[in-house]
Amino acid sequence: MKLDVLGQKFTIIFHHFLVEFPKLTTCEIRTQTDVPCGHGHALCSEKDQFSRARGRKIAFARAVQNTFSDRTERALFWDAMRKARKDRAG
């Protein structure tokens, strides 16, 4: 997924690992030059039902939190993500 935040382009890549427990979702934030700049992950407990959407949301939140210390930058990323998902849904 491509995001444009403050004139910079970022790519968000999600991976889901479903072979065994704990099931894992990872999120990687890359710059427009394809350099990784942030990473987050979410583990699913054996007691929980795996949800790709929930895993993406948690992993994205952790990637943004780990990458950007400024609350305003994090809010801009969330707004860009919501807009991209809304545009994608049609």
PDB file of N, CA and C in Angstrom:
ATOM      1  N   MET A   1       0.844  -1.160   0.000  1.00  0.00           N
ATOM      2  CA  MET A   1       0.000   0.000   0.000  1.00  0.00           C
ATOM      3  C   MET A   1       0.899   1.236   0.000  1.00  0.00           C
ATOM      4  N   LYS A   2       0.577   2.195  -0.837  1.00  0.00           N
ATOM      5  CA  LYS A   2       1.359   3.427  -0.961  1.00  0.00           C
ATOM      6  C   LYS A   2       0.689   4.532  -0.148  1.00  0.00           C
ATOM      7  N   LEU A   3       1.487   5.269   0.619  1.00  0.00           N
ATOM      8  CA  LEU A   3       0.997   6.399   1.391  1.00  0.00           C
ATOM      9  C   LEU A   3       1.826   7.633   1.066  1.00  0.00           C
ATOM     10  N   ASP A   4       1.160   8.771   1.016  1.00  0.00           N
ATOM     11  CA  ASP A   4       1.836  10.050   0.812  1.00  0.00           C
ATOM     12  C   ASP A   4       1.641  10.870   2.084  1.00  0.00           C
ATOM     13  N   VAL A   5       2.740  11.111   2.804  1.00  0.00           N
ATOM     14  CA  VAL A   5       2.685  11.838   4.068  1.00  0.00           C
ATOM     15  C   VAL A   5       3.657  13.004   3.996  1.00  0.00           C
ATOM     16  N   LEU A   6       3.118  14.218   4.089  1.00  0.00           N
ATOM     17  CA  LEU A   6       3.920  15.441   4.039  1.00  0.00           C
ATOM     18  C   LEU A   6       4.831  15.489   2.816  1.00  0.00           C
ATOM     19  N   GLY A   7       4.310  15.071   1.672  1.00  0.00           N
ATOM     20  CA  GLY A   7       5.074  15.121   0.435  1.00  0.00           C
ATOM     21  C   GLY A   7       6.066  14.001   0.250  1.00  0.00           C
ATOM     22  N   GLN A   8       6.180  13.112   1.221  1.00  0.00           N
ATOM     23  CA  GLN A   8       7.063  11.952   1.089  1.00  0.00           C
ATOM     24  C   GLN A   8       6.211  10.719   0.820  1.00  0.00           C
ATOM     25  N   LYS A   9       6.717   9.840  -0.019  1.00  0.00           N
ATOM     26  CA  LYS A   9       5.988   8.628  -0.354  1.00  0.00           C
ATOM     27  C   LYS A   9       6.556   7.457   0.444  1.00  0.00           C
ATOM     28  N   PHE A  10       5.657   6.675   1.017  1.00  0.00           N
ATOM     29  CA  PHE A  10       6.025   5.496   1.794  1.00  0.00           C
ATOM     30  C   PHE A  10       5.253   4.303   1.260  1.00  0.00           C
ATOM     31  N   THR A  11       5.840   3.131   1.411  1.00  0.00           N
ATOM     32  CA  THR A  11       5.173   1.884   1.064  1.00  0.00           C
ATOM     33  C   THR A  11       4.989   1.089   2.346  1.00  0.00           C
ATOM     34  N   ILE A  12       3.789   0.587   2.543  1.00  0.00           N
ATOM     35  CA  ILE A  12       3.476  -0.237   3.705  1.00  0.00           C
ATOM     36  C   ILE A  12       3.291  -1.663   3.214  1.00  0.00           C
ATOM     37  N   ILE A  13       4.039  -2.587   3.806  1.00  0.00           N
ATOM     38  CA  ILE A  13       3.991  -3.991   3.392  1.00  0.00           C
ATOM     39  C   ILE A  13       3.590  -4.833   4.600  1.00  0.00           C
ATOM     40  N   PHE A  14       2.551  -5.647   4.412  1.00  0.00           N
ATOM     41  CA  PHE A  14       2.104  -6.562   5.462  1.00  0.00           C
ATOM     42  C   PHE A  14       2.417  -7.994   5.056  1.00  0.00           C
ATOM     43  N   HIS A  15       2.817  -8.802   6.037  1.00  0.00           N
ATOM     44  CA  HIS A  15       3.014 -10.238   5.839  1.00  0.00           C
ATOM     45  C   HIS A  15       2.270 -10.960   6.951  1.00  0.00           C
ATOM     46  N   HIS A  16       1.619 -12.062   6.593  1.00  0.00           N
ATOM     47  CA  HIS A  16       0.916 -12.886   7.571  1.00  0.00           C
ATOM     48  C   HIS A  16       1.569 -14.264   7.572  1.00  0.00           C
ATOM     49  N   PHE A  17       1.931 -14.744   8.750  1.00  0.00           N
ATOM     50  CA  PHE A  17       2.531 -16.066   8.905  1.00  0.00           C
ATOM     51  C   PHE A  17       1.536 -16.928   9.669  1.00  0.00           C
ATOM     52  N   LEU A  18       0.913 -17.882   8.963  1.00  0.00           N
ATOM     53  CA  LEU A  18      -0.217 -18.612   9.510  1.00  0.00           C
ATOM     54  C   LEU A  18       0.038 -20.103   9.721  1.00  0.00           C
ATOM     55  N   VAL A  19       1.252 -20.543   9.522  1.00  0.00           N
ATOM     56  CA  VAL A  19       1.536 -21.974   9.536  1.00  0.00           C
ATOM     57  C   VAL A  19       1.344 -22.586  10.917  1.00  0.00           C
ATOM     58  N   GLU A  20       1.813 -21.926  11.950  1.00  0.00           N
ATOM     59  CA  GLU A  20       1.703 -22.480  13.295  1.00  0.00           C
ATOM     60  C   GLU A  20       1.511 -21.343  14.290  1.00  0.00           C
ATOM     61  N   PHE A  21       1.149 -21.694  15.509  1.00  0.00           N
ATOM     62  CA  PHE A  21       0.995 -20.684  16.553  1.00  0.00           C
ATOM     63  C   PHE A  21       2.351 -20.383  17.152  1.00  0.00           C
ATOM     64  N   PRO A  22       2.584 -19.154  17.550  1.00  0.00           N
ATOM     65  CA  PRO A  22       1.636 -18.062  17.435  1.00  0.00           C
ATOM     66  C   PRO A  22       1.607 -17.531  16.004  1.00  0.00           C
ATOM     67  N   LYS A  23       0.421 -17.271  15.507  1.00  0.00           N
ATOM     68  CA  LYS A  23       0.276 -16.678  14.178  1.00  0.00           C
ATOM     69  C   LYS A  23       0.773 -15.239  14.265  1.00  0.00           C
ATOM     70  N   LEU A  24       1.380 -14.764  13.195  1.00  0.00           N
ATOM     71  CA  LEU A  24       2.097 -13.492  13.231  1.00  0.00           C
ATOM     72  C   LEU A  24       1.732 -12.627  12.039  1.00  0.00           C
ATOM     73  N   THR A  25       1.559 -11.342  12.286  1.00  0.00           N
ATOM     74  CA  THR A  25       1.388 -10.351  11.227  1.00  0.00           C
ATOM     75  C   THR A  25       2.493  -9.321  11.407  1.00  0.00           C
ATOM     76  N   THR A  26       3.196  -9.005  10.316  1.00  0.00           N
ATOM     77  CA  THR A  26       4.237  -7.980  10.384  1.00  0.00           C
ATOM     78  C   THR A  26       3.871  -6.823   9.451  1.00  0.00           C
ATOM     79  N   CYS A  27       4.376  -5.648   9.801  1.00  0.00           N
ATOM     80  CA  CYS A  27       4.184  -4.455   8.989  1.00  0.00           C
ATOM     81  C   CYS A  27       5.541  -3.794   8.819  1.00  0.00           C
ATOM     82  N   GLU A  28       5.880  -3.495   7.588  1.00  0.00           N
ATOM     83  CA  GLU A  28       7.141  -2.820   7.295  1.00  0.00           C
ATOM     84  C   GLU A  28       6.838  -1.510   6.584  1.00  0.00           C
ATOM     85  N   ILE A  29       7.453  -0.437   7.053  1.00  0.00           N
ATOM     86  CA  ILE A  29       7.330   0.868   6.420  1.00  0.00           C
ATOM     87  C   ILE A  29       8.616   1.110   5.650  1.00  0.00           C
ATOM     88  N   ARG A  30       8.484   1.414   4.352  1.00  0.00           N
ATOM     89  CA  ARG A  30       9.650   1.677   3.500  1.00  0.00           C
ATOM     90  C   ARG A  30       9.535   3.067   2.898  1.00  0.00           C
ATOM     91  N   THR A  31      10.683   3.707   2.707  1.00  0.00           N
ATOM     92  CA  THR A  31      10.718   5.023   2.071  1.00  0.00           C
ATOM     93  C   THR A  31      10.542   4.855   0.568  1.00  0.00           C
ATOM     94  N   GLN A  32      10.439   5.975  -0.149  1.00  0.00           N
ATOM     95  CA  GLN A  32      10.255   5.897  -1.602  1.00  0.00           C
ATOM     96  C   GLN A  32      11.472   5.321  -2.302  1.00  0.00           C
ATOM     97  N   THR A  33      12.630   5.310  -1.635  1.00  0.00           N
ATOM     98  CA  THR A  33      13.828   4.690  -2.212  1.00  0.00           C
ATOM     99  C   THR A  33      13.944   3.231  -1.780  1.00  0.00           C
ATOM    100  N   ASP A  34      12.845   2.671  -1.238  1.00  0.00           N
ATOM    101  CA  ASP A  34      12.743   1.271  -0.838  1.00  0.00           C
ATOM    102  C   ASP A  34      13.658   0.906   0.332  1.00  0.00           C
ATOM    103  N   VAL A  35      13.957   1.876   1.189  1.00  0.00           N
ATOM    104  CA  VAL A  35      14.765   1.633   2.385  1.00  0.00           C
ATOM    105  C   VAL A  35      13.820   1.417   3.569  1.00  0.00           C
ATOM    106  N   PRO A  36      13.957   0.295   4.291  1.00  0.00           N
ATOM    107  CA  PRO A  36      13.096   0.082   5.453  1.00  0.00           C
ATOM    108  C   PRO A  36      13.351   1.148   6.517  1.00  0.00           C
ATOM    109  N   CYS A  37      12.278   1.742   7.034  1.00  0.00           N
ATOM    110  CA  CYS A  37      12.458   2.748   8.086  1.00  0.00           C
ATOM    111  C   CYS A  37      11.638   2.430   9.322  1.00  0.00           C
ATOM    112  N   GLY A  38      10.775   1.421   9.274  1.00  0.00           N
ATOM    113  CA  GLY A  38       9.995   1.059  10.438  1.00  0.00           C
ATOM    114  C   GLY A  38       9.443  -0.340  10.337  1.00  0.00           C
ATOM    115  N   HIS A  39       9.218  -0.957  11.501  1.00  0.00           N
ATOM    116  CA  HIS A  39       8.744  -2.329  11.537  1.00  0.00           C
ATOM    117  C   HIS A  39       7.900  -2.535  12.790  1.00  0.00           C
ATOM    118  N   GLY A  40       6.825  -3.282  12.653  1.00  0.00           N
ATOM    119  CA  GLY A  40       5.998  -3.643  13.793  1.00  0.00           C
ATOM    120  C   GLY A  40       5.408  -5.020  13.570  1.00  0.00           C
ATOM    121  N   HIS A  41       5.013  -5.678  14.648  1.00  0.00           N
ATOM    122  CA  HIS A  41       4.412  -7.000  14.498  1.00  0.00           C
ATOM    123  C   HIS A  41       3.310  -7.215  15.532  1.00  0.00           C
ATOM    124  N   ALA A  42       2.466  -8.180  15.242  1.00  0.00           N
ATOM    125  CA  ALA A  42       1.377  -8.558  16.140  1.00  0.00           C
ATOM    126  C   ALA A  42       1.313 -10.075  16.200  1.00  0.00           C
ATOM    127  N   LEU A  43       1.257 -10.601  17.409  1.00  0.00           N
ATOM    128  CA  LEU A  43       1.144 -12.041  17.619  1.00  0.00           C
ATOM    129  C   LEU A  43      -0.285 -12.371  18.036  1.00  0.00           C
ATOM    130  N   CYS A  44      -0.786 -13.487  17.532  1.00  0.00           N
ATOM    131  CA  CYS A  44      -2.124 -13.940  17.880  1.00  0.00           C
ATOM    132  C   CYS A  44      -1.996 -15.078  18.889  1.00  0.00           C
ATOM    133  N   SER A  45      -2.654 -14.934  20.005  1.00  0.00           N
ATOM    134  CA  SER A  45      -2.646 -15.969  21.031  1.00  0.00           C
ATOM    135  C   SER A  45      -3.367 -17.215  20.523  1.00  0.00           C
ATOM    136  N   GLU A  46      -3.006 -18.356  21.059  1.00  0.00           N
ATOM    137  CA  GLU A  46      -3.698 -19.589  20.697  1.00  0.00           C
ATOM    138  C   GLU A  46      -5.161 -19.538  21.112  1.00  0.00           C
ATOM    139  N   LYS A  47      -5.479 -18.716  22.101  1.00  0.00           N
ATOM    140  CA  LYS A  47      -6.848 -18.612  22.607  1.00  0.00           C
ATOM    141  C   LYS A  47      -7.725 -17.736  21.713  1.00  0.00           C
ATOM    142  N   ASP A  48      -7.103 -16.936  20.841  1.00  0.00           N
ATOM    143  CA  ASP A  48      -7.844 -15.981  20.018  1.00  0.00           C
ATOM    144  C   ASP A  48      -8.069 -16.501  18.602  1.00  0.00           C
ATOM    145  N   GLN A  49      -9.103 -15.990  17.972  1.00  0.00           N
ATOM    146  CA  GLN A  49      -9.370 -16.262  16.561  1.00  0.00           C
ATOM    147  C   GLN A  49      -8.502 -15.311  15.738  1.00  0.00           C
ATOM    148  N   PHE A  50      -7.731 -15.834  14.789  1.00  0.00           N
ATOM    149  CA  PHE A  50      -6.867 -14.992  13.967  1.00  0.00           C
ATOM    150  C   PHE A  50      -7.710 -14.102  13.055  1.00  0.00           C
ATOM    151  N   SER A  51      -7.322 -12.826  12.968  1.00  0.00           N
ATOM    152  CA  SER A  51      -7.989 -11.872  12.087  1.00  0.00           C
ATOM    153  C   SER A  51      -6.917 -11.064  11.363  1.00  0.00           C
ATOM    154  N   ARG A  52      -6.902 -11.151  10.043  1.00  0.00           N
ATOM    155  CA  ARG A  52      -5.925 -10.389   9.266  1.00  0.00           C
ATOM    156  C   ARG A  52      -6.087  -8.892   9.507  1.00  0.00           C
ATOM    157  N   ALA A  53      -7.328  -8.406   9.520  1.00  0.00           N
ATOM    158  CA  ALA A  53      -7.581  -6.973   9.705  1.00  0.00           C
ATOM    159  C   ALA A  53      -7.075  -6.500  11.059  1.00  0.00           C
ATOM    160  N   ARG A  54      -7.371  -7.256  12.105  1.00  0.00           N
ATOM    161  CA  ARG A  54      -6.922  -6.880  13.455  1.00  0.00           C
ATOM    162  C   ARG A  54      -5.392  -6.928  13.539  1.00  0.00           C
ATOM    163  N   GLY A  55      -4.781  -7.955  12.945  1.00  0.00           N
ATOM    164  CA  GLY A  55      -3.324  -8.067  12.937  1.00  0.00           C
ATOM    165  C   GLY A  55      -2.667  -6.912  12.205  1.00  0.00           C
ATOM    166  N   ARG A  56      -3.239  -6.524  11.044  1.00  0.00           N
ATOM    167  CA  ARG A  56      -2.694  -5.387  10.296  1.00  0.00           C
ATOM    168  C   ARG A  56      -2.773  -4.103  11.110  1.00  0.00           C
ATOM    169  N   LYS A  57      -3.890  -3.897  11.785  1.00  0.00           N
ATOM    170  CA  LYS A  57      -4.072  -2.677  12.565  1.00  0.00           C
ATOM    171  C   LYS A  57      -3.059  -2.597  13.712  1.00  0.00           C
ATOM    172  N   ILE A  58      -2.881  -3.690  14.436  1.00  0.00           N
ATOM    173  CA  ILE A  58      -1.933  -3.703  15.557  1.00  0.00           C
ATOM    174  C   ILE A  58      -0.505  -3.557  15.054  1.00  0.00           C
ATOM    175  N   ALA A  59      -0.144  -4.304  14.000  1.00  0.00           N
ATOM    176  CA  ALA A  59       1.221  -4.238  13.469  1.00  0.00           C
ATOM    177  C   ALA A  59       1.523  -2.845  12.919  1.00  0.00           C
ATOM    178  N   PHE A  60       0.563  -2.238  12.221  1.00  0.00           N
ATOM    179  CA  PHE A  60       0.759  -0.887  11.695  1.00  0.00           C
ATOM    180  C   PHE A  60       0.943   0.112  12.835  1.00  0.00           C
ATOM    181  N   ALA A  61       0.111   0.008  13.860  1.00  0.00           N
ATOM    182  CA  ALA A  61       0.221   0.913  15.007  1.00  0.00           C
ATOM    183  C   ALA A  61       1.598   0.808  15.654  1.00  0.00           C
ATOM    184  N   ARG A  62       2.097  -0.393  15.798  1.00  0.00           N
ATOM    185  CA  ARG A  62       3.419  -0.585  16.414  1.00  0.00           C
ATOM    186  C   ARG A  62       4.534  -0.090  15.508  1.00  0.00           C
ATOM    187  N   ALA A  63       4.397  -0.288  14.207  1.00  0.00           N
ATOM    188  CA  ALA A  63       5.421   0.208  13.277  1.00  0.00           C
ATOM    189  C   ALA A  63       5.490   1.726  13.308  1.00  0.00           C
ATOM    190  N   VAL A  64       4.330   2.375  13.292  1.00  0.00           N
ATOM    191  CA  VAL A  64       4.296   3.850  13.327  1.00  0.00           C
ATOM    192  C   VAL A  64       4.833   4.360  14.661  1.00  0.00           C
ATOM    193  N   GLN A  65       4.432   3.710  15.761  1.00  0.00           N
ATOM    194  CA  GLN A  65       4.894   4.108  17.091  1.00  0.00           C
ATOM    195  C   GLN A  65       6.409   3.971  17.217  1.00  0.00           C
ATOM    196  N   ASN A  66       6.963   2.886  16.670  1.00  0.00           N
ATOM    197  CA  ASN A  66       8.411   2.640  16.766  1.00  0.00           C
ATOM    198  C   ASN A  66       9.216   3.551  15.852  1.00  0.00           C
ATOM    199  N   THR A  67       8.599   4.064  14.804  1.00  0.00           N
ATOM    200  CA  THR A  67       9.321   4.833  13.793  1.00  0.00           C
ATOM    201  C   THR A  67       9.273   6.329  14.048  1.00  0.00           C
ATOM    202  N   PHE A  68       8.124   6.831  14.462  1.00  0.00           N
ATOM    203  CA  PHE A  68       7.938   8.280  14.586  1.00  0.00           C
ATOM    204  C   PHE A  68       7.623   8.650  16.027  1.00  0.00           C
ATOM    205  N   SER A  69       8.466   9.480  16.610  1.00  0.00           N
ATOM    206  CA  SER A  69       8.264   9.874  18.001  1.00  0.00           C
ATOM    207  C   SER A  69       7.252  11.005  18.130  1.00  0.00           C
ATOM    208  N   ASP A  70       7.090  11.790  17.077  1.00  0.00           N
ATOM    209  CA  ASP A  70       6.187  12.930  17.112  1.00  0.00           C
ATOM    210  C   ASP A  70       4.736  12.488  16.903  1.00  0.00           C
ATOM    211  N   ARG A  71       3.877  12.859  17.825  1.00  0.00           N
ATOM    212  CA  ARG A  71       2.476  12.456  17.761  1.00  0.00           C
ATOM    213  C   ARG A  71       1.784  12.969  16.495  1.00  0.00           C
ATOM    214  N   THR A  72       2.142  14.164  16.052  1.00  0.00           N
ATOM    215  CA  THR A  72       1.551  14.740  14.845  1.00  0.00           C
ATOM    216  C   THR A  72       1.900  13.900  13.617  1.00  0.00           C
ATOM    217  N   GLU A  73       3.147  13.447  13.517  1.00  0.00           N
ATOM    218  CA  GLU A  73       3.550  12.590  12.390  1.00  0.00           C
ATOM    219  C   GLU A  73       2.777  11.279  12.410  1.00  0.00           C
ATOM    220  N   ARG A  74       2.612  10.703  13.596  1.00  0.00           N
ATOM    221  CA  ARG A  74       1.861   9.453  13.697  1.00  0.00           C
ATOM    222  C   ARG A  74       0.414   9.659  13.263  1.00  0.00           C
ATOM    223  N   ALA A  75      -0.185  10.777  13.669  1.00  0.00           N
ATOM    224  CA  ALA A  75      -1.569  11.077  13.277  1.00  0.00           C
ATOM    225  C   ALA A  75      -1.682  11.228  11.763  1.00  0.00           C
ATOM    226  N   LEU A  76      -0.689  11.855  11.140  1.00  0.00           N
ATOM    227  CA  LEU A  76      -0.700  12.005   9.684  1.00  0.00           C
ATOM    228  C   LEU A  76      -0.629  10.649   8.988  1.00  0.00           C
ATOM    229  N   PHE A  77       0.161   9.726   9.544  1.00  0.00           N
ATOM    230  CA  PHE A  77       0.249   8.380   8.981  1.00  0.00           C
ATOM    231  C   PHE A  77      -1.094   7.657   9.090  1.00  0.00           C
ATOM    232  N   TRP A  78      -1.735   7.778  10.245  1.00  0.00           N
ATOM    233  CA  TRP A  78      -3.039   7.141  10.419  1.00  0.00           C
ATOM    234  C   TRP A  78      -4.064   7.726   9.457  1.00  0.00           C
ATOM    235  N   ASP A  79      -4.060   9.035   9.289  1.00  0.00           N
ATOM    236  CA  ASP A  79      -4.996   9.668   8.353  1.00  0.00           C
ATOM    237  C   ASP A  79      -4.755   9.194   6.923  1.00  0.00           C
ATOM    238  N   ALA A  80      -3.473   9.103   6.539  1.00  0.00           N
ATOM    239  CA  ALA A  80      -3.125   8.637   5.195  1.00  0.00           C
ATOM    240  C   ALA A  80      -3.554   7.179   5.001  1.00  0.00           C
ATOM    241  N   MET A  81      -3.397   6.367   6.029  1.00  0.00           N
ATOM    242  CA  MET A  81      -3.784   4.956   5.946  1.00  0.00           C
ATOM    243  C   MET A  81      -5.306   4.832   5.808  1.00  0.00           C
ATOM    244  N   ARG A  82      -6.045   5.598   6.590  1.00  0.00           N
ATOM    245  CA  ARG A  82      -7.508   5.555   6.495  1.00  0.00           C
ATOM    246  C   ARG A  82      -7.979   5.992   5.106  1.00  0.00           C
ATOM    247  N   LYS A  83      -7.359   7.040   4.587  1.00  0.00           N
ATOM    248  CA  LYS A  83      -7.729   7.537   3.260  1.00  0.00           C
ATOM    249  C   LYS A  83      -7.420   6.485   2.194  1.00  0.00           C
ATOM    250  N   ALA A  84      -6.244   5.859   2.279  1.00  0.00           N
ATOM    251  CA  ALA A  84      -5.856   4.840   1.287  1.00  0.00           C
ATOM    252  C   ALA A  84      -6.811   3.650   1.339  1.00  0.00           C
ATOM    253  N   ARG A  85      -7.211   3.233   2.538  1.00  0.00           N
ATOM    254  CA  ARG A  85      -8.129   2.103   2.664  1.00  0.00           C
ATOM    255  C   ARG A  85      -9.512   2.463   2.141  1.00  0.00           C
ATOM    256  N   LYS A  86      -9.950   3.710   2.397  1.00  0.00           N
ATOM    257  CA  LYS A  86     -11.250   4.157   1.919  1.00  0.00           C
ATOM    258  C   LYS A  86     -11.261   4.230   0.391  1.00  0.00           C
ATOM    259  N   ASP A  87     -10.177   4.779  -0.189  1.00  0.00           N
ATOM    260  CA  ASP A  87     -10.069   4.865  -1.658  1.00  0.00           C
ATOM    261  C   ASP A  87     -10.028   3.475  -2.277  1.00  0.00           C
ATOM    262  N   ARG A  88      -9.366   2.566  -1.598  1.00  0.00           N
ATOM    263  CA  ARG A  88      -9.220   1.198  -2.096  1.00  0.00           C
ATOM    264  C   ARG A  88     -10.558   0.464  -2.081  1.00  0.00           C
ATOM    265  N   ALA A  89     -11.369   0.743  -1.070  1.00  0.00           N
ATOM    266  CA  ALA A  89     -12.671   0.083  -0.936  1.00  0.00           C
ATOM    267  C   ALA A  89     -13.668   0.591  -1.970  1.00  0.00           C
ATOM    268  N   GLY A  90     -13.398   1.785  -2.462  1.00  0.00           N
ATOM    269  CA  GLY A  90     -14.233   2.308  -3.532  1.00  0.00           C
ATOM    270  C   GLY A  90     -15.346   3.126  -3.033  1.00  0.00           C
TER     271      GLY A  90
END
